[in-house]
Amino acid sequence: MNFEEYLDSLQNKTVAVIGIGVSNQPLIKLLLDRGIAVTACDKKDRESLGIVAEQLEANGCRLRLGEKYLDDLTEDVIFRTPGMRPDLPQLTAAVERGSTLTSEMEVFFEVCPCPKIAVTGSDGKTTTTTIIAEFLKRAGKTVHLGGNIGHPLLAETGKMKMDDIAVLELSSFQLMTMTHSPHIAVVTNLAPNHLDVHKDFQEYIDAKENIFIHQSVEDIAVFNADNPYTLEEASRTVGRARLFSRQKALEDGVFLRGDAIIARHGGAERQVMTTGDIKLPGVHNIENYMAAIAAVDGLVSDEVIRDFAREFGGVEHRIELIRTRKGVRWYNDSIASSPSRTIAGLKSFDEKVILIAGGKDKGISYEVLGPVVNDHVKLLILCGSTAGVIRQSTEQAPNYNGLEIVDVADYHQAVALADSRAQEGDVVILSPASTSFDRFANFMERGRVFKDIVNSLE
């Protein structure tokens, strides 16, 4: 089914769109513009939505707002927001009554006319997705960037051509109910994550696997050979598996030999680049580049890859240098919403850093964080609801040697304390190891608030 045929199939049907956030607004507008009866549902009240509610109603949209926004869903088609579990009792009841439950991304996979490359994993998704998209753009391809990154793509599908390429970052929430896989799938790594939403780690893994289990034998799936979970997945792929490794040579894939990044296929190998070509700090970014190289091998020249790597300074909120002041470098790593992300960030620096951490718990263990903090941090500043468990993991680690840990109320106090203690040559980094939802709408808002405070220092 193509894009127009899908929209035609919704004529004379009722549609509910759950969530009136920025990501769903283009979908709602698209459906309304085609004369489709839409009810937009959101937990927020009318006052919180403000002018958005007025604009939607002016365009013919019905609103269902407040605490009971999911009650009595009777629409023919229901688009769930990605972060919402598909097995909520209200959604299950609607499906039992005959509703079709779907999502913007599921429909996009059904109607997109061009090849799709998608990236998932516990860490490195956004950076790897961005690198792949930029590689392809520089190689002259028309690229549509979307999913968890960029903006919703379904409303733009009608403008896409068959020789374009869609590059997508996909979360476990988006993948939970997917029944289609991309032509090229990338799994950067897997570690316990989002256990505040998923029932357990196995459900999280199962969701991630939808990125490759629906592929054909002609498709490609890229896996991290250094991660036990993704390496095991590689043995079960339907299409061709490509591996990447920072720790060992591979018969078929992309790997690190000394400081050289090597691509080997069919017994022949070549040096694509060196780690010195990569402007981004940290060994995890070497892995991100290897994953991206494995994904685009045969589509992009090595020269394009090298030239881009020498220039690319990173994505906002991912070990992002905010400023250097009095010889102190301040970094924003707000994307680090799990211990594994913060561990990767800390290992990116040769020197011990001043770390600002803490946020909302999402049901995962912090035990692995403590030893790394003790090895890589000279002053630990904590705020947020996970301050206690991060402190505990640090003080109970076998290598704890009296690292100073200070609790503060907010980022204003954290920045003031770090500024008063930092000396020339020091690094101060916000890397929370927790989600932002205790105080912020998302990690982007958290990072921007932190940057504003740092930039306000005289």
Protein backbone atom coordinates (compact mmCIF):
# COMPACT_ATOMS: atom_id res chain seq x y z
CA MET A 1 0.00 0.00 0.00
CA ASN A 2 1.34 3.43 -0.91
CA PHE A 3 0.83 6.67 0.96
CA GLU A 4 -2.23 7.86 -0.97
CA GLU A 5 -3.89 4.47 -0.79
CA TYR A 6 -3.45 4.42 2.98
CA LEU A 7 -5.03 7.86 3.37
CA ASP A 8 -7.88 6.80 1.10
CA SER A 9 -8.44 3.75 3.33
CA LEU A 10 -9.14 6.09 6.27
CA GLN A 11 -11.93 7.93 4.51
CA ASN A 12 -15.25 7.36 6.28
CA LYS A 13 -13.38 6.03 9.32
CA THR A 14 -12.81 7.66 12.69
CA VAL A 15 -9.26 8.10 13.98
CA ALA A 16 -7.92 8.76 17.49
CA VAL A 17 -4.43 10.17 17.94
CA ILE A 18 -3.09 9.73 21.47
CA GLY A 19 -0.75 12.52 22.53
CA ILE A 20 -0.86 16.10 21.25
CA GLY A 21 2.87 16.68 21.49
CA VAL A 22 5.08 18.13 18.78
CA SER A 23 5.67 14.70 17.22
CA ASN A 24 1.95 13.99 16.65
CA GLN A 25 0.82 17.43 15.51
CA PRO A 26 1.91 16.94 11.86
CA LEU A 27 0.00 13.63 11.79
CA ILE A 28 -3.15 15.26 13.16
CA LYS A 29 -2.89 18.09 10.62
CA LEU A 30 -2.34 15.63 7.76
CA LEU A 31 -5.46 13.64 8.66
CA LEU A 32 -7.61 16.73 9.15
CA ASP A 33 -6.46 18.20 5.84
CA ARG A 34 -7.71 15.02 4.14
CA GLY A 35 -11.14 15.39 5.71
CA ILE A 36 -10.70 12.49 8.12
CA ALA A 37 -12.57 12.59 11.44
CA VAL A 38 -9.91 12.93 14.15
CA THR A 39 -10.12 12.90 17.94
CA ALA A 40 -6.94 14.04 19.66
CA CYS A 41 -6.48 12.59 23.14
CA ASP A 42 -4.12 13.93 25.80
CA LYS A 43 -3.72 13.71 29.57
CA LYS A 44 -3.11 17.46 29.72
CA ASP A 45 -6.06 19.76 30.38
CA ARG A 46 -7.21 22.49 28.04
CA GLU A 47 -5.38 25.22 29.93
CA SER A 48 -2.05 23.37 29.64
CA LEU A 49 -2.46 22.94 25.88
CA GLY A 50 -3.29 26.62 25.43
CA ILE A 51 -3.52 27.86 21.86
CA VAL A 52 -2.80 24.40 20.44
CA ALA A 53 -6.24 23.24 21.61
CA GLU A 54 -7.92 26.23 19.99
CA GLN A 55 -6.11 25.67 16.68
CA LEU A 56 -6.98 21.99 16.57
CA GLU A 57 -10.67 22.63 17.20
CA ALA A 58 -10.70 25.42 14.63
CA ASN A 59 -9.48 22.84 12.09
CA GLY A 60 -12.27 20.42 12.96
CA CYS A 61 -10.51 18.20 15.49
CA ARG A 62 -12.37 16.77 18.50
CA LEU A 63 -10.49 16.85 21.80
CA ARG A 64 -10.57 14.34 24.64
CA LEU A 65 -8.50 15.77 27.50
CA GLY A 66 -7.72 15.13 31.15
CA GLU A 67 -7.22 12.10 33.36
CA LYS A 68 -9.85 9.99 31.55
CA TYR A 69 -8.50 10.70 28.06
CA LEU A 70 -8.13 6.96 27.30
CA ASP A 71 -11.55 5.89 28.52
CA ASP A 72 -14.09 4.51 26.05
CA LEU A 73 -11.98 4.66 22.89
CA THR A 74 -14.27 3.63 20.07
CA GLU A 75 -12.48 5.02 17.00
CA ASP A 76 -11.77 2.71 14.06
CA VAL A 77 -8.03 3.46 14.07
CA ILE A 78 -5.96 4.48 17.11
CA PHE A 79 -2.47 5.95 16.79
CA ARG A 80 -0.63 5.46 20.08
CA THR A 81 2.21 7.71 21.12
CA PRO A 82 5.56 5.81 21.12
CA GLY A 83 6.15 5.90 24.89
CA MET A 84 2.78 4.33 25.68
CA ARG A 85 2.56 0.60 26.26
CA PRO A 86 0.28 -1.08 23.71
CA ASP A 87 -1.19 -3.40 26.35
CA LEU A 88 -2.77 -0.73 28.55
CA PRO A 89 -6.23 -1.97 29.59
CA GLN A 90 -7.97 0.90 27.76
CA LEU A 91 -6.13 0.12 24.51
CA THR A 92 -6.69 -3.62 24.86
CA ALA A 93 -10.39 -3.02 25.41
CA ALA A 94 -10.56 -0.81 22.31
CA VAL A 95 -8.88 -3.48 20.18
CA GLU A 96 -11.30 -6.11 21.52
CA ARG A 97 -14.14 -3.82 20.41
CA GLY A 98 -12.72 -3.75 16.88
CA SER A 99 -10.31 -0.79 16.82
CA THR A 100 -7.01 -1.07 14.96
CA LEU A 101 -4.05 0.00 17.10
CA THR A 102 -1.07 1.43 15.24
CA SER A 103 1.52 4.23 15.37
CA GLU A 104 2.99 6.89 13.10
CA MET A 105 6.17 4.85 12.61
CA GLU A 106 4.36 1.58 11.91
CA VAL A 107 2.34 3.22 9.14
CA PHE A 108 5.44 4.94 7.78
CA PHE A 109 7.14 1.56 7.35
CA GLU A 110 4.12 0.30 5.42
CA VAL A 111 3.90 3.22 2.98
CA CYS A 112 7.45 4.59 2.64
CA PRO A 113 8.51 4.27 -1.03
CA CYS A 114 12.28 4.37 -0.49
CA PRO A 115 14.89 2.15 1.23
CA LYS A 116 15.11 2.47 5.01
CA ILE A 117 18.13 2.35 7.31
CA ALA A 118 17.27 2.21 11.01
CA VAL A 119 19.35 2.28 14.19
CA THR A 120 18.49 1.10 17.68
CA GLY A 121 20.40 0.13 20.81
CA SER A 122 20.81 1.18 24.42
CA ASP A 123 23.51 3.76 23.72
CA GLY A 124 24.83 5.62 20.69
CA LYS A 125 21.63 5.58 18.64
CA THR A 126 21.40 9.28 17.88
CA THR A 127 25.07 9.80 17.09
CA THR A 128 25.21 6.70 14.87
CA THR A 129 22.00 7.69 13.08
CA THR A 130 23.32 11.21 12.50
CA ILE A 131 26.64 9.91 11.15
CA ILE A 132 24.88 7.55 8.72
CA ALA A 133 22.57 10.32 7.49
CA GLU A 134 25.47 12.74 6.97
CA PHE A 135 27.56 10.12 5.18
CA LEU A 136 24.72 9.56 2.70
CA LYS A 137 24.02 13.28 2.23
CA ARG A 138 27.67 13.92 1.41
CA ALA A 139 27.54 11.04 -1.05
CA GLY A 140 24.79 12.89 -2.91
CA LYS A 141 21.75 11.02 -1.60
CA THR A 142 18.45 12.68 -0.65
CA VAL A 143 18.01 11.68 2.99
CA HIS A 144 14.90 11.84 5.19
CA LEU A 145 15.89 11.76 8.86
CA GLY A 146 13.27 10.78 11.41
CA GLY A 147 12.03 8.52 14.16
CA ASN A 148 13.46 9.44 17.56
CA ILE A 149 15.60 12.04 15.81
CA GLY A 150 14.68 14.78 13.37
CA HIS A 151 10.92 15.02 12.94
CA PRO A 152 7.92 12.78 12.11
CA LEU A 153 8.12 11.57 8.51
CA LEU A 154 4.69 10.15 7.72
CA ALA A 155 3.28 13.53 6.69
CA GLU A 156 6.17 13.93 4.21
CA THR A 157 5.91 10.49 2.65
CA GLY A 158 4.01 11.74 -0.39
CA LYS A 159 7.05 13.82 -1.42
CA MET A 160 9.56 10.96 -1.15
CA LYS A 161 11.07 9.31 -4.22
CA MET A 162 12.07 5.70 -4.68
CA ASP A 163 15.79 6.52 -4.87
CA ASP A 164 15.76 8.59 -1.65
CA ILE A 165 16.82 7.01 1.65
CA ALA A 166 15.02 7.22 5.00
CA VAL A 167 17.37 7.10 7.99
CA LEU A 168 15.65 6.43 11.31
CA GLU A 169 16.48 6.22 14.98
CA LEU A 170 14.08 3.80 16.66
CA SER A 171 13.45 3.34 20.38
CA SER A 172 12.30 0.15 22.07
CA PHE A 173 8.90 1.81 22.53
CA GLN A 174 8.53 2.44 18.80
CA LEU A 175 9.70 -1.09 17.98
CA MET A 176 7.45 -2.97 20.43
CA THR A 177 4.65 -3.54 17.92
CA MET A 178 6.53 -3.18 14.63
CA THR A 179 5.81 -5.86 12.03
CA HIS A 180 8.20 -4.48 9.39
CA SER A 181 11.98 -4.13 9.48
CA PRO A 182 14.26 -1.77 7.53
CA HIS A 183 16.46 -2.80 4.63
CA ILE A 184 19.53 -2.09 6.76
CA ALA A 185 19.22 -2.45 10.54
CA VAL A 186 21.84 -1.43 13.11
CA VAL A 187 21.91 -2.53 16.76
CA THR A 188 24.63 -0.52 18.51
CA ASN A 189 24.56 -2.42 21.83
CA LEU A 190 22.16 -3.69 24.49
CA ALA A 191 22.14 -3.17 28.26
CA PRO A 192 19.33 -2.99 30.83
CA ASN A 193 17.36 0.19 30.14
CA HIS A 194 13.85 1.65 30.42
CA LEU A 195 12.85 -0.95 33.00
CA ASP A 196 10.43 1.58 34.44
CA VAL A 197 8.30 1.00 31.31
CA HIS A 198 9.26 -2.49 30.13
CA LYS A 199 8.21 -5.45 32.25
CA ASP A 200 11.76 -6.79 32.31
CA PHE A 201 15.01 -6.83 30.35
CA GLN A 202 13.79 -9.66 28.12
CA GLU A 203 10.82 -7.61 26.92
CA TYR A 204 13.21 -4.75 26.18
CA ILE A 205 15.43 -7.07 24.11
CA ASP A 206 12.41 -8.56 22.32
CA ALA A 207 11.25 -5.08 21.34
CA LYS A 208 14.67 -4.18 19.95
CA GLU A 209 14.75 -7.37 17.87
CA ASN A 210 11.84 -6.18 15.75
CA ILE A 211 14.36 -4.01 13.92
CA PHE A 212 15.75 -7.07 12.14
CA ILE A 213 13.49 -10.13 12.57
CA HIS A 214 11.12 -9.05 9.78
CA GLN A 215 13.90 -8.55 7.22
CA SER A 216 14.25 -10.52 4.00
CA VAL A 217 17.29 -12.61 3.01
CA GLU A 218 18.47 -9.68 0.86
CA ASP A 219 18.60 -7.25 3.79
CA ILE A 220 21.51 -6.39 6.09
CA ALA A 221 21.70 -6.27 9.89
CA VAL A 222 24.66 -4.73 11.72
CA PHE A 223 25.56 -5.93 15.23
CA ASN A 224 28.13 -5.11 17.90
CA ALA A 225 30.39 -8.17 18.23
CA ASP A 226 31.70 -6.93 21.59
CA ASN A 227 28.26 -7.00 23.23
CA PRO A 228 27.05 -10.49 24.25
CA TYR A 229 23.39 -9.73 23.62
CA THR A 230 23.84 -8.30 20.13
CA LEU A 231 26.38 -10.97 19.18
CA GLU A 232 23.82 -13.62 20.04
CA GLU A 233 21.22 -11.79 17.97
CA ALA A 234 23.55 -11.84 14.94
CA SER A 235 23.24 -15.62 14.80
CA ARG A 236 19.48 -15.33 14.33
CA THR A 237 19.23 -12.69 11.64
CA VAL A 238 17.33 -13.57 8.47
CA GLY A 239 19.42 -11.37 6.18
CA ARG A 240 23.16 -10.87 6.01
CA ALA A 241 24.79 -10.08 9.36
CA ARG A 242 27.62 -7.55 9.45
CA LEU A 243 29.59 -7.20 12.67
CA PHE A 244 31.73 -4.43 14.10
CA SER A 245 34.26 -4.73 16.92
CA ARG A 246 36.68 -2.53 18.78
CA GLN A 247 38.23 -5.52 20.55
CA LYS A 248 38.92 -8.20 17.95
CA ALA A 249 39.52 -8.82 14.25
CA LEU A 250 36.52 -10.08 12.27
CA GLU A 251 36.27 -12.35 9.24
CA ASP A 252 33.46 -10.22 7.86
CA GLY A 253 32.82 -6.75 9.22
CA VAL A 254 34.45 -3.58 10.52
CA PHE A 255 37.03 -3.71 13.31
CA LEU A 256 39.87 -1.85 14.99
CA ARG A 257 43.50 -2.86 14.46
CA GLY A 258 45.74 -0.56 16.43
CA ASP A 259 44.48 2.87 15.44
CA ALA A 260 43.21 1.70 12.02
CA ILE A 261 39.55 1.03 11.28
CA ILE A 262 39.45 -1.92 8.89
CA ALA A 263 36.60 -3.20 6.71
CA ARG A 264 36.91 -6.85 5.67
CA HIS A 265 34.59 -8.72 3.30
CA GLY A 266 35.10 -11.92 1.32
CA GLY A 267 38.72 -12.26 2.38
CA ALA A 268 39.65 -8.76 1.15
CA GLU A 269 40.24 -5.90 3.56
CA ARG A 270 40.95 -2.17 3.41
CA GLN A 271 41.71 0.60 5.87
CA VAL A 272 38.80 3.00 5.90
CA MET A 273 40.26 5.55 8.34
CA THR A 274 42.16 5.88 11.60
CA THR A 275 40.90 6.82 15.03
CA GLY A 276 42.88 10.05 14.63
CA ASP A 277 40.43 11.05 11.89
CA ILE A 278 37.57 11.09 14.43
CA LYS A 279 37.03 14.51 15.99
CA LEU A 280 34.56 13.22 18.60
CA PRO A 281 36.15 12.13 21.90
CA GLY A 282 35.68 8.71 23.46
CA VAL A 283 36.04 5.06 22.49
CA HIS A 284 32.25 4.76 22.28
CA ASN A 285 32.34 7.15 19.32
CA ILE A 286 34.87 4.89 17.59
CA GLU A 287 32.23 2.17 17.94
CA ASN A 288 29.54 4.52 16.60
CA TYR A 289 31.66 5.18 13.51
CA MET A 290 32.33 1.48 12.96
CA ALA A 291 28.61 0.74 13.17
CA ALA A 292 27.88 3.51 10.66
CA ILE A 293 30.63 2.34 8.30
CA ALA A 294 29.24 -1.20 8.38
CA ALA A 295 25.79 0.15 7.54
CA VAL A 296 26.83 2.26 4.53
CA ASP A 297 29.61 0.03 3.15
CA GLY A 298 29.17 0.04 -0.62
CA LEU A 299 26.97 3.17 -0.54
CA VAL A 300 29.53 5.78 0.54
CA SER A 301 33.20 6.22 -0.37
CA ASP A 302 35.91 6.02 2.28
CA GLU A 303 37.01 9.53 1.34
CA VAL A 304 33.57 10.91 2.24
CA ILE A 305 33.71 9.03 5.55
CA ARG A 306 37.14 10.39 6.47
CA ASP A 307 36.34 13.97 5.48
CA PHE A 308 33.17 13.99 7.54
CA ALA A 309 34.78 12.42 10.62
CA ARG A 310 37.49 15.11 10.66
CA GLU A 311 34.84 17.86 10.80
CA PHE A 312 31.94 16.45 12.85
CA GLY A 313 31.89 17.86 16.39
CA GLY A 314 28.92 15.86 17.66
CA VAL A 315 25.20 16.14 18.37
CA GLU A 316 23.75 18.51 20.94
CA HIS A 317 23.57 17.12 24.51
CA ARG A 318 26.10 14.34 23.76
CA ILE A 319 29.43 15.26 25.39
CA GLU A 320 28.81 18.71 23.91
CA LEU A 321 31.44 21.31 24.76
CA ILE A 322 29.52 24.32 26.09
CA ARG A 323 32.38 26.70 26.75
CA THR A 324 35.92 27.00 28.11
CA ARG A 325 36.14 29.49 30.96
CA LYS A 326 39.28 30.23 32.99
CA GLY A 327 40.83 27.13 31.48
CA VAL A 328 37.91 24.91 32.60
CA ARG A 329 35.98 22.98 29.95
CA TRP A 330 32.24 22.59 30.58
CA TYR A 331 30.38 19.71 28.86
CA ASN A 332 26.69 18.88 28.44
CA ASP A 333 26.00 15.13 28.28
CA SER A 334 22.31 15.34 29.18
CA ILE A 335 21.53 12.42 26.83
CA ALA A 336 23.15 10.13 29.43
CA SER A 337 19.95 8.82 31.01
CA SER A 338 21.48 5.49 32.10
CA PRO A 339 24.62 4.38 33.96
CA SER A 340 26.12 2.88 30.78
CA ARG A 341 25.90 6.23 28.97
CA THR A 342 27.55 8.06 31.85
CA ILE A 343 30.27 5.40 32.05
CA ALA A 344 31.02 5.94 28.35
CA GLY A 345 31.14 9.70 28.87
CA LEU A 346 33.52 9.47 31.83
CA LYS A 347 35.86 7.18 29.90
CA SER A 348 36.05 9.76 27.10
CA PHE A 349 38.41 11.94 29.16
CA ASP A 350 42.01 11.23 30.12
CA GLU A 351 41.76 13.36 33.27
CA LYS A 352 39.50 12.96 36.28
CA VAL A 353 36.42 15.17 35.97
CA ILE A 354 33.93 17.01 38.14
CA LEU A 355 30.69 15.12 37.54
CA ILE A 356 27.17 16.48 38.00
CA ALA A 357 24.69 13.58 38.05
CA GLY A 358 21.26 12.48 39.22
CA GLY A 359 17.66 12.58 38.00
CA LYS A 360 14.72 10.18 37.90
CA ASP A 361 15.12 6.44 38.47
CA LYS A 362 13.96 4.11 35.68
CA GLY A 363 14.27 0.85 37.50
CA ILE A 364 17.82 -0.21 36.59
CA SER A 365 20.83 -1.05 38.73
CA TYR A 366 23.50 1.59 39.43
CA GLU A 367 26.00 -0.90 40.81
CA VAL A 368 28.19 -0.77 37.69
CA LEU A 369 28.48 3.02 37.90
CA GLY A 370 30.22 3.28 41.27
CA PRO A 371 33.63 1.79 40.39
CA VAL A 372 33.91 3.91 37.23
CA VAL A 373 33.00 7.07 39.14
CA ASN A 374 35.73 6.35 41.66
CA ASP A 375 38.28 5.88 38.88
CA HIS A 376 37.31 8.88 36.74
CA VAL A 377 35.81 11.55 39.02
CA LYS A 378 37.52 14.02 41.36
CA LEU A 379 34.32 15.60 42.74
CA LEU A 380 30.80 14.13 42.48
CA ILE A 381 27.88 16.58 42.68
CA LEU A 382 24.43 14.99 42.98
CA CYS A 383 20.84 16.20 42.72
CA GLY A 384 17.55 14.58 41.80
CA SER A 385 15.79 11.48 43.07
CA THR A 386 18.63 9.09 42.14
CA ALA A 387 21.23 11.03 44.16
CA GLY A 388 21.01 8.46 46.96
CA VAL A 389 21.49 5.36 44.82
CA ILE A 390 24.38 6.93 42.90
CA ARG A 391 26.03 7.88 46.20
CA GLN A 392 25.47 4.35 47.50
CA SER A 393 26.92 2.70 44.39
CA THR A 394 30.01 4.92 44.69
CA GLU A 395 30.62 4.52 48.41
CA GLN A 396 30.00 0.76 48.37
CA ALA A 397 32.26 0.10 45.38
CA PRO A 398 35.44 -1.87 46.25
CA ASN A 399 37.67 0.95 44.93
CA TYR A 400 36.04 3.73 46.98
CA ASN A 401 38.78 5.84 48.55
CA GLY A 402 36.97 8.79 50.06
CA LEU A 403 35.82 10.55 46.87
CA GLU A 404 34.07 13.78 47.87
CA ILE A 405 30.33 13.65 47.18
CA VAL A 406 28.12 16.70 47.60
CA ASP A 407 24.31 16.85 47.37
CA VAL A 408 22.76 20.04 46.00
CA ALA A 409 19.20 21.21 45.40
CA ASP A 410 19.41 22.09 41.70
CA TYR A 411 21.67 22.90 38.74
CA HIS A 412 22.20 26.48 39.86
CA GLN A 413 23.83 25.20 43.04
CA ALA A 414 25.65 22.46 41.14
CA VAL A 415 27.20 24.89 38.66
CA ALA A 416 28.10 27.37 41.39
CA LEU A 417 29.83 24.65 43.41
CA ALA A 418 31.67 23.22 40.38
CA ASP A 419 32.76 26.71 39.34
CA SER A 420 34.14 27.47 42.79
CA ARG A 421 36.10 24.21 42.94
CA ALA A 422 37.32 23.79 39.35
CA GLN A 423 40.90 24.72 38.52
CA GLU A 424 42.53 25.50 35.19
CA GLY A 425 42.67 22.34 33.07
CA ASP A 426 39.66 20.73 34.76
CA VAL A 427 36.61 19.26 33.05
CA VAL A 428 33.08 19.72 34.42
CA ILE A 429 30.42 17.49 32.86
CA LEU A 430 26.69 17.05 33.33
CA SER A 431 26.10 13.33 32.76
CA PRO A 432 23.05 12.41 34.88
CA ALA A 433 22.94 8.58 34.52
CA SER A 434 19.17 9.04 35.00
CA THR A 435 16.14 10.27 33.11
CA SER A 436 15.07 13.91 33.16
CA PHE A 437 11.45 13.39 34.11
CA ASP A 438 11.83 14.36 37.76
CA ARG A 439 12.15 18.04 36.79
CA PHE A 440 12.22 18.41 33.00
CA ALA A 441 10.06 17.46 30.03
CA ASN A 442 12.95 15.63 28.35
CA PHE A 443 16.75 15.43 28.20
CA MET A 444 16.88 18.30 25.66
CA GLU A 445 15.20 20.72 28.06
CA ARG A 446 17.49 19.50 30.85
CA GLY A 447 20.58 20.09 28.73
CA ARG A 448 19.51 23.52 27.57
CA VAL A 449 18.75 24.65 31.12
CA PHE A 450 22.20 23.46 32.18
CA LYS A 451 23.85 25.23 29.23
CA ASP A 452 22.03 28.46 30.01
CA ILE A 453 23.29 28.36 33.61
CA VAL A 454 26.85 27.64 32.52
CA ASN A 455 26.78 30.34 29.86
CA SER A 456 25.49 32.85 32.40
CA LEU A 457 28.70 32.54 34.44
CA GLU A 458 30.58 35.83 34.17
